[in-house]
Every structure is written in C-alpha cells, then in structure tokens.
Amino acid sequence: RSPAGRGMAAAAFERRVLRRAAEHHYLRVRLELPDGGARPNAAQFKQLVVTALRELHGEVGAALPFDVLTYEEKTLSAILRVISSGLVKLWSALTLLGFYQNRRCAFRVLQTSPFLLALSGNSRELVLD
C-alpha cells in the first residue's frame, strides 16, 4: 500500500538548480600550417582569430569579445576565452578559416569547457616514464 493511501501526504519534489550557467567558455586550439613558413606571433594569432570572425560573421562578429589566455608559438597552440553566448560563433569561424597569409591553414579545436581547470591537463598528452 502507498503512503498516500495510509493518510500520509505524498512528498512534493521541487527541482532546484543552484549552479548558474557559465559566463565564459574556454577552447584549446591549434593552428595547423602544413607547408611550414613563418609562424604567427601572439598579436598576429589574435588578429587571425578576429579575421576569421569577420569573414564569417561580418563586423559585428569581429567585435565578439574573446581573449587569448595562452599562446605557444612553437606549437601554434592557444587557450581562448569567450563569453558563453559567443562560443558557437567563435568555434564556427575558426573551423571555416582556410588561409593565413595566402597559405592553407586549419584551426583544430582540441578541447572546450566552461571550466579553465579542465583544460590544464590532457591525459592524451601524458608522458609516462
């Protein structure tokens, strides 16, 4: 017999979501330049991302606020921070960019997360002795 049948009131459940939506998203990206040549420095890398946004989304897209938190010129890898509402715009612009200084190139989004700490270590790159 159910508790309600014995004169007890059924418990009312209320869903509460305490964690608010993340304000930013973080992306670990790598620029691939298959034919070698000059590598962009940090300023040129950021300008390349702005160019990608402008080409796909116009001037409004180019104004999307994002930050290059880290950039390694040796590996052409970076961690980008973007407001969560702009994640799809940034990701799509990076994916569709095909040229850097008239040379073929491709951005690879390696990881994305609303938590920066999640990008700090990647088990796939772990080197065991």
Protein backbone atom coordinates (compact mmCIF):
# COMPACT_ATOMS: atom_id res chain seq x y z
CA ARG A 1 0.00 0.00 0.00
CA SER A 2 1.29 3.50 -0.82
CA PRO A 3 1.97 6.04 1.95
CA ALA A 4 -0.70 8.30 0.47
CA GLY A 5 -3.22 5.50 0.95
CA ARG A 6 -2.49 5.42 4.69
CA GLY A 7 -3.40 9.04 5.15
CA MET A 8 0.11 10.39 4.60
CA ALA A 9 0.63 13.17 2.11
CA ALA A 10 2.88 12.31 -0.81
CA ALA A 11 6.17 14.21 -0.71
CA ALA A 12 6.34 17.09 -3.15
CA PHE A 13 9.59 17.32 -5.09
CA GLU A 14 10.98 20.59 -6.28
CA ARG A 15 13.92 20.81 -8.64
CA ARG A 16 16.44 23.48 -7.78
CA VAL A 17 19.39 24.34 -9.93
CA LEU A 18 21.94 26.15 -7.83
CA ARG A 19 24.79 26.47 -10.30
CA ARG A 20 24.25 29.31 -12.71
CA ALA A 21 25.23 28.97 -16.35
CA ALA A 22 28.92 29.54 -17.00
CA GLU A 23 29.78 33.08 -18.05
CA HIS A 24 32.73 32.02 -20.23
CA HIS A 25 33.84 29.02 -22.23
CA TYR A 26 37.45 28.06 -22.87
CA LEU A 27 38.82 26.46 -26.01
CA ARG A 28 42.17 24.79 -26.52
CA VAL A 29 43.01 25.26 -30.19
CA ARG A 30 45.91 24.53 -32.53
CA LEU A 31 46.67 26.24 -35.83
CA GLU A 32 47.93 23.86 -38.49
CA LEU A 33 50.18 25.26 -41.21
CA PRO A 34 51.09 22.23 -43.33
CA ASP A 35 53.66 23.94 -45.58
CA GLY A 36 55.80 25.42 -42.79
CA GLY A 37 56.95 29.00 -43.29
CA ALA A 38 56.58 31.93 -40.92
CA ARG A 39 54.66 31.30 -37.71
CA PRO A 40 52.37 33.99 -36.31
CA ASN A 41 53.39 35.67 -33.06
CA ALA A 42 50.80 36.24 -30.31
CA ALA A 43 49.49 39.50 -31.80
CA GLN A 44 49.24 38.00 -35.30
CA PHE A 45 47.48 34.95 -33.88
CA LYS A 46 44.84 37.10 -32.19
CA GLN A 47 44.39 39.11 -35.40
CA LEU A 48 43.91 35.86 -37.32
CA VAL A 49 41.05 34.91 -34.98
CA VAL A 50 39.48 38.37 -35.46
CA THR A 51 39.83 37.91 -39.24
CA ALA A 52 38.11 34.52 -39.03
CA LEU A 53 35.22 36.09 -37.09
CA ARG A 54 34.95 38.98 -39.57
CA GLU A 55 34.94 36.69 -42.63
CA LEU A 56 32.09 34.55 -41.33
CA HIS A 57 30.06 36.93 -39.18
CA GLY A 58 30.94 40.42 -40.50
CA GLU A 59 31.91 43.45 -38.43
CA VAL A 60 29.51 42.52 -35.63
CA GLY A 61 31.17 39.11 -35.37
CA ALA A 62 34.63 40.69 -35.35
CA ALA A 63 33.58 42.64 -32.25
CA LEU A 64 32.90 39.43 -30.28
CA PRO A 65 34.87 39.72 -27.04
CA PHE A 66 37.43 36.94 -26.61
CA ASP A 67 40.86 36.64 -25.01
CA VAL A 68 43.96 34.66 -25.88
CA LEU A 69 44.95 33.42 -22.42
CA THR A 70 47.99 31.44 -23.52
CA TYR A 71 49.78 31.06 -26.84
CA GLU A 72 52.77 28.89 -27.70
CA GLU A 73 54.36 29.97 -30.94
CA LYS A 74 56.40 26.76 -31.10
CA THR A 75 53.32 24.51 -31.23
CA LEU A 76 50.85 27.15 -32.54
CA SER A 77 48.57 26.20 -29.65
CA ALA A 78 46.41 28.55 -27.61
CA ILE A 79 43.74 28.70 -24.96
CA LEU A 80 40.95 31.12 -25.84
CA ARG A 81 38.27 32.51 -23.52
CA VAL A 82 34.95 33.67 -24.96
CA ILE A 83 31.62 34.64 -23.45
CA SER A 84 29.41 31.56 -23.49
CA SER A 85 26.86 33.15 -25.81
CA GLY A 86 29.63 33.60 -28.41
CA LEU A 87 31.04 30.06 -28.28
CA VAL A 88 29.27 28.83 -31.43
CA LYS A 89 30.25 31.95 -33.39
CA LEU A 90 33.91 31.63 -32.44
CA TRP A 91 34.07 27.88 -32.99
CA SER A 92 32.39 28.08 -36.41
CA ALA A 93 34.63 30.95 -37.54
CA LEU A 94 37.78 29.04 -36.53
CA THR A 95 36.55 25.86 -38.23
CA LEU A 96 35.86 27.59 -41.54
CA LEU A 97 39.06 29.65 -41.78
CA GLY A 98 41.25 28.21 -44.54
CA PHE A 99 44.12 30.63 -45.20
CA TYR A 100 46.85 32.52 -43.32
CA GLN A 101 48.99 34.89 -45.43
CA ASN A 102 47.81 33.17 -48.62
CA ARG A 103 48.84 29.76 -47.29
CA ARG A 104 46.49 26.92 -46.45
CA CYS A 105 45.79 26.55 -42.75
CA ALA A 106 43.30 24.94 -40.40
CA PHE A 107 42.28 25.53 -36.81
CA ARG A 108 41.70 22.42 -34.73
CA VAL A 109 39.58 22.77 -31.60
CA LEU A 110 41.18 20.22 -29.29
CA GLN A 111 39.11 20.79 -26.14
CA THR A 112 36.35 23.04 -24.89
CA SER A 113 34.94 23.51 -21.42
CA PRO A 114 33.18 26.06 -19.22
CA PHE A 115 35.99 25.40 -16.71
CA LEU A 116 39.55 26.57 -17.36
CA LEU A 117 40.91 23.94 -14.99
CA ALA A 118 39.54 21.19 -17.25
CA LEU A 119 41.96 22.33 -19.98
CA SER A 120 45.01 22.39 -17.71
CA GLY A 121 45.77 18.71 -18.18
CA ASN A 122 45.08 16.35 -21.03
CA SER A 123 45.51 12.64 -20.34
CA ARG A 124 46.11 12.02 -24.06
CA GLU A 125 49.31 14.08 -23.85
CA LEU A 126 50.53 12.44 -20.65
CA VAL A 127 54.06 11.07 -20.94
CA LEU A 128 54.87 8.16 -18.64
CA ASP A 129 58.46 7.16 -17.94
